[in-house]
N, C-alpha and C. Protein backbone atom coordinates (compact mmCIF):
# COMPACT_ATOMS: atom_id res chain seq x y z
N UNK A 1 6.14 8.38 -13.07
CA UNK A 1 5.14 8.72 -12.08
C UNK A 1 5.85 8.93 -10.74
N UNK A 2 5.39 9.93 -10.01
CA UNK A 2 5.89 10.18 -8.65
C UNK A 2 4.80 9.78 -7.65
N UNK A 3 5.25 9.19 -6.56
CA UNK A 3 4.32 8.69 -5.55
C UNK A 3 4.59 9.35 -4.21
N UNK A 4 3.54 9.72 -3.51
CA UNK A 4 3.65 10.35 -2.20
C UNK A 4 2.72 9.65 -1.24
N UNK A 5 3.31 8.95 -0.28
CA UNK A 5 2.51 8.26 0.74
C UNK A 5 2.28 9.18 1.93
N UNK A 6 1.11 9.06 2.53
CA UNK A 6 0.78 9.88 3.70
C UNK A 6 -0.23 9.13 4.56
N UNK A 7 -0.50 9.70 5.74
CA UNK A 7 -1.51 9.13 6.61
C UNK A 7 -0.98 8.32 7.77
N UNK A 8 0.33 8.14 7.83
CA UNK A 8 0.91 7.38 8.92
C UNK A 8 0.90 8.17 10.21
N UNK A 9 1.32 7.54 11.28
CA UNK A 9 1.38 8.18 12.59
C UNK A 9 1.26 7.14 13.68
N UNK A 10 0.84 7.60 14.84
CA UNK A 10 0.69 6.73 16.00
C UNK A 10 -0.77 6.32 16.12
N UNK A 11 -1.01 5.02 16.26
CA UNK A 11 -2.37 4.50 16.42
C UNK A 11 -2.35 3.45 17.50
N UNK A 12 -3.44 3.37 18.24
CA UNK A 12 -3.54 2.35 19.28
C UNK A 12 -3.97 1.02 18.68
N UNK A 13 -3.47 -0.03 19.27
CA UNK A 13 -3.90 -1.37 18.85
C UNK A 13 -5.41 -1.47 18.95
N UNK A 14 -6.01 -2.04 17.93
CA UNK A 14 -7.46 -2.16 17.91
C UNK A 14 -8.16 -1.00 17.25
N UNK A 15 -7.41 0.04 16.90
CA UNK A 15 -8.01 1.20 16.24
C UNK A 15 -8.11 0.97 14.75
N UNK A 16 -7.95 2.05 14.00
CA UNK A 16 -7.94 1.94 12.54
C UNK A 16 -7.13 3.09 11.96
N UNK A 17 -6.70 2.89 10.74
CA UNK A 17 -5.86 3.90 10.09
C UNK A 17 -6.01 3.75 8.59
N UNK A 18 -5.97 4.85 7.88
CA UNK A 18 -6.01 4.80 6.43
C UNK A 18 -4.79 5.54 5.87
N UNK A 19 -4.02 4.84 5.09
CA UNK A 19 -2.89 5.43 4.39
C UNK A 19 -3.33 5.80 2.98
N UNK A 20 -2.73 6.87 2.47
CA UNK A 20 -3.02 7.31 1.11
C UNK A 20 -1.74 7.36 0.30
N UNK A 21 -1.87 7.14 -0.97
CA UNK A 21 -0.75 7.25 -1.90
C UNK A 21 -1.23 8.09 -3.08
N UNK A 22 -0.63 9.25 -3.25
CA UNK A 22 -0.99 10.15 -4.33
C UNK A 22 0.01 10.01 -5.47
N UNK A 23 -0.50 9.82 -6.66
CA UNK A 23 0.34 9.70 -7.85
C UNK A 23 0.29 10.99 -8.65
N UNK A 24 1.42 11.38 -9.19
CA UNK A 24 1.49 12.57 -10.03
C UNK A 24 2.44 12.33 -11.19
N UNK A 25 2.31 13.10 -12.21
CA UNK A 25 3.19 12.98 -13.37
C UNK A 25 2.61 12.13 -14.47
N UNK A 26 1.79 11.19 -14.09
CA UNK A 26 1.11 10.33 -15.05
C UNK A 26 -0.09 9.71 -14.35
N UNK A 27 -1.14 9.44 -15.08
CA UNK A 27 -2.36 8.91 -14.47
C UNK A 27 -2.09 7.59 -13.78
N UNK A 28 -2.55 7.47 -12.55
CA UNK A 28 -2.34 6.23 -11.80
C UNK A 28 -3.07 5.06 -12.43
N UNK A 29 -4.06 5.33 -13.27
CA UNK A 29 -4.80 4.25 -13.91
C UNK A 29 -3.94 3.42 -14.85
N UNK A 30 -2.75 3.91 -15.17
CA UNK A 30 -1.83 3.17 -16.03
C UNK A 30 -1.02 2.14 -15.26
N UNK A 31 -1.18 2.11 -13.94
CA UNK A 31 -0.32 1.31 -13.08
C UNK A 31 -1.11 0.38 -12.16
N UNK A 32 -0.58 -0.83 -12.03
CA UNK A 32 -0.96 -1.65 -10.89
C UNK A 32 -0.22 -1.10 -9.68
N UNK A 33 -0.88 -1.14 -8.53
CA UNK A 33 -0.31 -0.52 -7.35
C UNK A 33 -0.14 -1.53 -6.23
N UNK A 34 0.82 -1.23 -5.35
CA UNK A 34 1.04 -2.11 -4.22
C UNK A 34 1.48 -1.33 -2.99
N UNK A 35 1.27 -1.95 -1.85
CA UNK A 35 1.79 -1.44 -0.59
C UNK A 35 2.76 -2.47 -0.01
N UNK A 36 3.87 -1.97 0.49
CA UNK A 36 4.87 -2.79 1.16
C UNK A 36 5.19 -2.12 2.50
N UNK A 37 5.85 -2.87 3.38
CA UNK A 37 6.26 -2.29 4.64
C UNK A 37 7.62 -2.85 5.05
N UNK A 38 8.31 -2.06 5.85
CA UNK A 38 9.63 -2.46 6.31
C UNK A 38 9.80 -2.06 7.76
N UNK A 39 10.13 -3.06 8.59
CA UNK A 39 10.44 -2.83 10.00
C UNK A 39 11.94 -2.81 10.17
N UNK A 40 12.44 -2.19 11.24
CA UNK A 40 13.89 -2.15 11.46
C UNK A 40 14.50 -3.55 11.48
N UNK A 41 15.55 -3.72 10.72
CA UNK A 41 16.25 -4.99 10.69
C UNK A 41 15.61 -6.05 9.82
N UNK A 42 14.51 -5.70 9.16
CA UNK A 42 13.82 -6.67 8.32
C UNK A 42 13.79 -6.19 6.87
N UNK A 43 13.57 -7.13 5.98
CA UNK A 43 13.44 -6.78 4.57
C UNK A 43 12.06 -6.18 4.31
N UNK A 44 11.98 -5.41 3.26
CA UNK A 44 10.70 -4.84 2.85
C UNK A 44 9.79 -5.98 2.38
N UNK A 45 8.58 -6.02 2.91
CA UNK A 45 7.69 -7.13 2.61
C UNK A 45 6.38 -6.64 1.99
N UNK A 46 5.80 -7.50 1.20
CA UNK A 46 4.54 -7.22 0.53
C UNK A 46 3.40 -7.16 1.55
N UNK A 47 2.49 -6.21 1.34
CA UNK A 47 1.31 -6.08 2.20
C UNK A 47 0.03 -6.27 1.39
N UNK A 48 -0.11 -5.49 0.31
CA UNK A 48 -1.35 -5.53 -0.47
C UNK A 48 -1.09 -5.03 -1.88
N UNK A 49 -1.91 -5.48 -2.81
CA UNK A 49 -1.79 -5.04 -4.20
C UNK A 49 -3.17 -4.92 -4.81
N UNK A 50 -3.26 -4.04 -5.82
CA UNK A 50 -4.52 -3.83 -6.51
C UNK A 50 -4.25 -3.64 -7.99
N UNK A 51 -5.12 -4.17 -8.81
CA UNK A 51 -4.95 -4.07 -10.25
C UNK A 51 -5.29 -2.66 -10.75
N UNK A 52 -4.98 -2.41 -12.00
CA UNK A 52 -5.27 -1.10 -12.58
C UNK A 52 -6.75 -0.75 -12.47
N UNK A 53 -7.58 -1.71 -12.72
CA UNK A 53 -9.02 -1.46 -12.70
C UNK A 53 -9.59 -1.40 -11.28
N UNK A 54 -8.83 -1.94 -10.32
CA UNK A 54 -9.35 -2.06 -8.95
C UNK A 54 -10.15 -3.33 -8.74
N UNK A 55 -10.29 -4.12 -9.81
CA UNK A 55 -11.13 -5.30 -9.70
C UNK A 55 -10.48 -6.48 -9.01
N UNK A 56 -9.18 -6.50 -8.98
CA UNK A 56 -8.46 -7.59 -8.31
C UNK A 56 -7.58 -7.04 -7.21
N UNK A 57 -7.54 -7.75 -6.09
CA UNK A 57 -6.68 -7.37 -4.97
C UNK A 57 -5.99 -8.61 -4.41
N UNK A 58 -4.92 -8.39 -3.71
CA UNK A 58 -4.19 -9.48 -3.07
C UNK A 58 -3.59 -8.95 -1.79
N UNK A 59 -3.53 -9.83 -0.76
CA UNK A 59 -3.01 -9.41 0.53
C UNK A 59 -2.03 -10.43 1.08
N UNK A 60 -1.15 -9.95 1.94
CA UNK A 60 -0.26 -10.85 2.65
C UNK A 60 -1.12 -11.71 3.58
N UNK A 61 -0.69 -12.93 3.80
CA UNK A 61 -1.49 -13.86 4.60
C UNK A 61 -1.78 -13.32 6.00
N UNK A 62 -0.83 -12.63 6.57
CA UNK A 62 -1.00 -12.14 7.94
C UNK A 62 -2.02 -11.01 8.04
N UNK A 63 -2.47 -10.49 6.89
CA UNK A 63 -3.46 -9.43 6.92
C UNK A 63 -4.78 -9.93 7.51
N UNK A 64 -5.12 -11.19 7.22
CA UNK A 64 -6.26 -11.85 7.85
C UNK A 64 -7.50 -10.99 7.87
N UNK A 65 -7.78 -10.32 6.76
CA UNK A 65 -8.99 -9.51 6.68
C UNK A 65 -8.91 -8.16 7.35
N UNK A 66 -7.75 -7.82 7.91
CA UNK A 66 -7.62 -6.54 8.60
C UNK A 66 -7.23 -5.41 7.67
N UNK A 67 -6.73 -5.73 6.48
CA UNK A 67 -6.29 -4.72 5.54
C UNK A 67 -7.26 -4.66 4.36
N UNK A 68 -7.45 -3.46 3.84
CA UNK A 68 -8.22 -3.27 2.63
C UNK A 68 -7.48 -2.29 1.73
N UNK A 69 -7.44 -2.61 0.46
CA UNK A 69 -6.80 -1.71 -0.50
C UNK A 69 -7.84 -1.27 -1.51
N UNK A 70 -7.79 -0.02 -1.89
CA UNK A 70 -8.74 0.52 -2.86
C UNK A 70 -8.06 1.64 -3.62
N UNK A 71 -8.70 2.06 -4.69
CA UNK A 71 -8.12 3.14 -5.49
C UNK A 71 -9.22 4.00 -6.08
N UNK A 72 -8.87 5.25 -6.31
CA UNK A 72 -9.75 6.20 -6.98
C UNK A 72 -8.95 6.76 -8.15
N UNK A 73 -9.14 6.17 -9.31
CA UNK A 73 -8.32 6.58 -10.46
C UNK A 73 -8.63 8.01 -10.92
N UNK A 74 -9.81 8.47 -10.65
CA UNK A 74 -10.15 9.85 -11.03
C UNK A 74 -9.34 10.86 -10.22
N UNK A 75 -8.98 10.46 -8.99
CA UNK A 75 -8.20 11.35 -8.12
C UNK A 75 -6.74 10.94 -8.03
N UNK A 76 -6.37 9.86 -8.74
CA UNK A 76 -4.97 9.38 -8.70
C UNK A 76 -4.54 9.03 -7.28
N UNK A 77 -5.42 8.37 -6.56
CA UNK A 77 -5.16 8.00 -5.19
C UNK A 77 -5.35 6.50 -4.98
N UNK A 78 -4.50 5.94 -4.12
CA UNK A 78 -4.63 4.56 -3.69
C UNK A 78 -4.62 4.57 -2.17
N UNK A 79 -5.46 3.73 -1.57
CA UNK A 79 -5.61 3.73 -0.13
C UNK A 79 -5.28 2.35 0.45
N UNK A 80 -4.79 2.38 1.67
CA UNK A 80 -4.62 1.15 2.44
C UNK A 80 -5.29 1.38 3.80
N UNK A 81 -6.36 0.66 4.05
CA UNK A 81 -7.08 0.75 5.32
C UNK A 81 -6.57 -0.37 6.23
N UNK A 82 -6.20 -0.01 7.43
CA UNK A 82 -5.74 -1.01 8.41
C UNK A 82 -6.72 -0.99 9.58
N UNK A 83 -7.35 -2.11 9.82
CA UNK A 83 -8.33 -2.24 10.90
C UNK A 83 -7.75 -3.15 11.98
N UNK A 84 -7.97 -2.78 13.23
CA UNK A 84 -7.46 -3.54 14.37
C UNK A 84 -5.96 -3.82 14.24
N UNK A 85 -5.16 -2.79 14.07
CA UNK A 85 -3.71 -3.02 13.95
C UNK A 85 -3.14 -3.57 15.25
N UNK A 86 -2.04 -4.26 15.12
CA UNK A 86 -1.29 -4.78 16.26
C UNK A 86 0.10 -4.17 16.24
N UNK A 87 0.82 -4.24 17.35
CA UNK A 87 2.20 -3.71 17.34
C UNK A 87 3.07 -4.32 16.25
N UNK A 88 2.74 -5.53 15.81
CA UNK A 88 3.51 -6.17 14.73
C UNK A 88 3.32 -5.47 13.39
N UNK A 89 2.33 -4.61 13.29
CA UNK A 89 2.12 -3.83 12.06
C UNK A 89 2.97 -2.57 12.03
N UNK A 90 3.69 -2.29 13.10
CA UNK A 90 4.56 -1.11 13.12
C UNK A 90 5.65 -1.24 12.07
N UNK A 91 5.74 -0.24 11.20
CA UNK A 91 6.70 -0.27 10.10
C UNK A 91 6.60 1.02 9.30
N UNK A 92 7.54 1.19 8.40
CA UNK A 92 7.40 2.23 7.38
C UNK A 92 6.66 1.60 6.21
N UNK A 93 5.60 2.22 5.79
CA UNK A 93 4.77 1.70 4.71
C UNK A 93 5.07 2.47 3.42
N UNK A 94 5.30 1.72 2.35
CA UNK A 94 5.63 2.29 1.05
C UNK A 94 4.58 1.91 0.02
N UNK A 95 4.22 2.87 -0.83
CA UNK A 95 3.41 2.52 -1.98
C UNK A 95 4.32 2.41 -3.20
N UNK A 96 3.88 1.60 -4.14
CA UNK A 96 4.68 1.32 -5.33
C UNK A 96 3.77 1.17 -6.53
N UNK A 97 4.33 1.44 -7.70
CA UNK A 97 3.57 1.37 -8.95
C UNK A 97 4.30 0.54 -9.98
N UNK A 98 3.52 -0.21 -10.75
CA UNK A 98 4.08 -0.99 -11.85
C UNK A 98 3.28 -0.70 -13.11
N UNK A 99 3.97 -0.21 -14.12
CA UNK A 99 3.33 0.01 -15.41
C UNK A 99 2.98 -1.33 -16.04
N UNK A 100 1.75 -1.47 -16.48
CA UNK A 100 1.32 -2.74 -17.07
C UNK A 100 0.17 -2.48 -18.03
N UNK A 101 0.07 -3.31 -19.05
CA UNK A 101 -1.06 -3.21 -19.97
C UNK A 101 -2.29 -3.92 -19.41
N UNK A 102 -2.06 -4.82 -18.49
CA UNK A 102 -3.16 -5.60 -17.94
C UNK A 102 -3.98 -4.77 -16.96
N UNK A 103 -5.28 -4.84 -17.07
CA UNK A 103 -6.14 -4.13 -16.13
C UNK A 103 -6.51 -4.99 -14.93
N UNK A 104 -6.13 -6.27 -14.97
CA UNK A 104 -6.54 -7.19 -13.90
C UNK A 104 -5.37 -7.79 -13.12
N UNK A 105 -4.15 -7.67 -13.62
CA UNK A 105 -3.02 -8.30 -12.96
C UNK A 105 -2.68 -7.60 -11.65
N UNK A 106 -2.29 -8.39 -10.66
CA UNK A 106 -1.77 -7.87 -9.40
C UNK A 106 -0.37 -8.44 -9.21
N UNK A 107 0.47 -7.73 -8.49
CA UNK A 107 1.87 -8.10 -8.35
C UNK A 107 2.26 -8.06 -6.88
N UNK A 108 2.85 -9.15 -6.42
CA UNK A 108 3.22 -9.24 -5.01
C UNK A 108 4.73 -9.19 -4.79
N UNK A 109 5.50 -9.29 -5.87
CA UNK A 109 6.96 -9.28 -5.72
C UNK A 109 7.49 -7.85 -5.73
N UNK A 110 8.33 -7.55 -4.78
CA UNK A 110 8.93 -6.23 -4.69
C UNK A 110 9.65 -5.86 -5.99
N UNK A 111 10.29 -6.84 -6.61
CA UNK A 111 11.08 -6.58 -7.81
C UNK A 111 10.23 -6.22 -9.03
N UNK A 112 8.93 -6.46 -8.94
CA UNK A 112 8.04 -6.15 -10.07
C UNK A 112 7.79 -4.65 -10.21
N UNK A 113 7.99 -3.92 -9.14
CA UNK A 113 7.61 -2.51 -9.12
C UNK A 113 8.78 -1.60 -9.48
N UNK A 114 8.51 -0.66 -10.36
CA UNK A 114 9.55 0.23 -10.81
C UNK A 114 9.54 1.60 -10.16
N UNK A 115 8.45 1.92 -9.49
CA UNK A 115 8.31 3.26 -8.89
C UNK A 115 7.89 3.12 -7.43
N UNK A 116 8.53 3.93 -6.59
CA UNK A 116 8.29 3.85 -5.16
C UNK A 116 8.10 5.24 -4.56
N UNK A 117 7.22 5.30 -3.56
CA UNK A 117 7.09 6.52 -2.78
C UNK A 117 8.11 6.53 -1.65
N UNK A 118 8.09 7.58 -0.87
CA UNK A 118 9.11 7.78 0.15
C UNK A 118 8.81 7.05 1.46
N UNK A 119 7.61 6.57 1.65
CA UNK A 119 7.27 5.85 2.87
C UNK A 119 6.64 6.73 3.92
N UNK A 120 5.76 6.12 4.71
CA UNK A 120 5.13 6.81 5.83
C UNK A 120 5.17 5.88 7.04
N UNK A 121 5.58 6.42 8.19
CA UNK A 121 5.77 5.61 9.39
C UNK A 121 4.44 5.34 10.07
N UNK A 122 4.20 4.08 10.38
CA UNK A 122 3.05 3.68 11.18
C UNK A 122 3.57 3.04 12.46
N UNK A 123 3.13 3.57 13.58
CA UNK A 123 3.53 3.03 14.88
C UNK A 123 2.27 2.65 15.65
N UNK A 124 2.18 1.38 16.04
CA UNK A 124 1.01 0.87 16.75
C UNK A 124 1.40 0.65 18.20
N UNK A 125 0.70 1.32 19.08
CA UNK A 125 0.97 1.16 20.52
C UNK A 125 0.02 0.14 21.12
N UNK A 126 0.53 -0.62 22.07
CA UNK A 126 -0.28 -1.67 22.70
C UNK A 126 -1.06 -1.13 23.88
């Protein structure tokens, strides 16, 4: 599966932004999906994950209800909604896919994912 992340850019603190991840080559419904982010000088960190069915989600603790992850398997799309971003959310955001038989499992470890998109830059201005 190939992944293409989009929707990044410059956003003001307190605004909102929606990132998209388009899957091609194989139906995204075969994969649990995740979003990660990486800031300069830092390791890539987990942000959010969603199960194949969309029924289970998981978020990094710092998300504090500001992030939402969803998917549209009919369109092979996964979304990450960021509400009230702060400058600390500035990073390159990556989507990732993990092939799994489970329709409910979510994965938070970077090493669990075998497929990665190219990343989209999100910059939050104060």
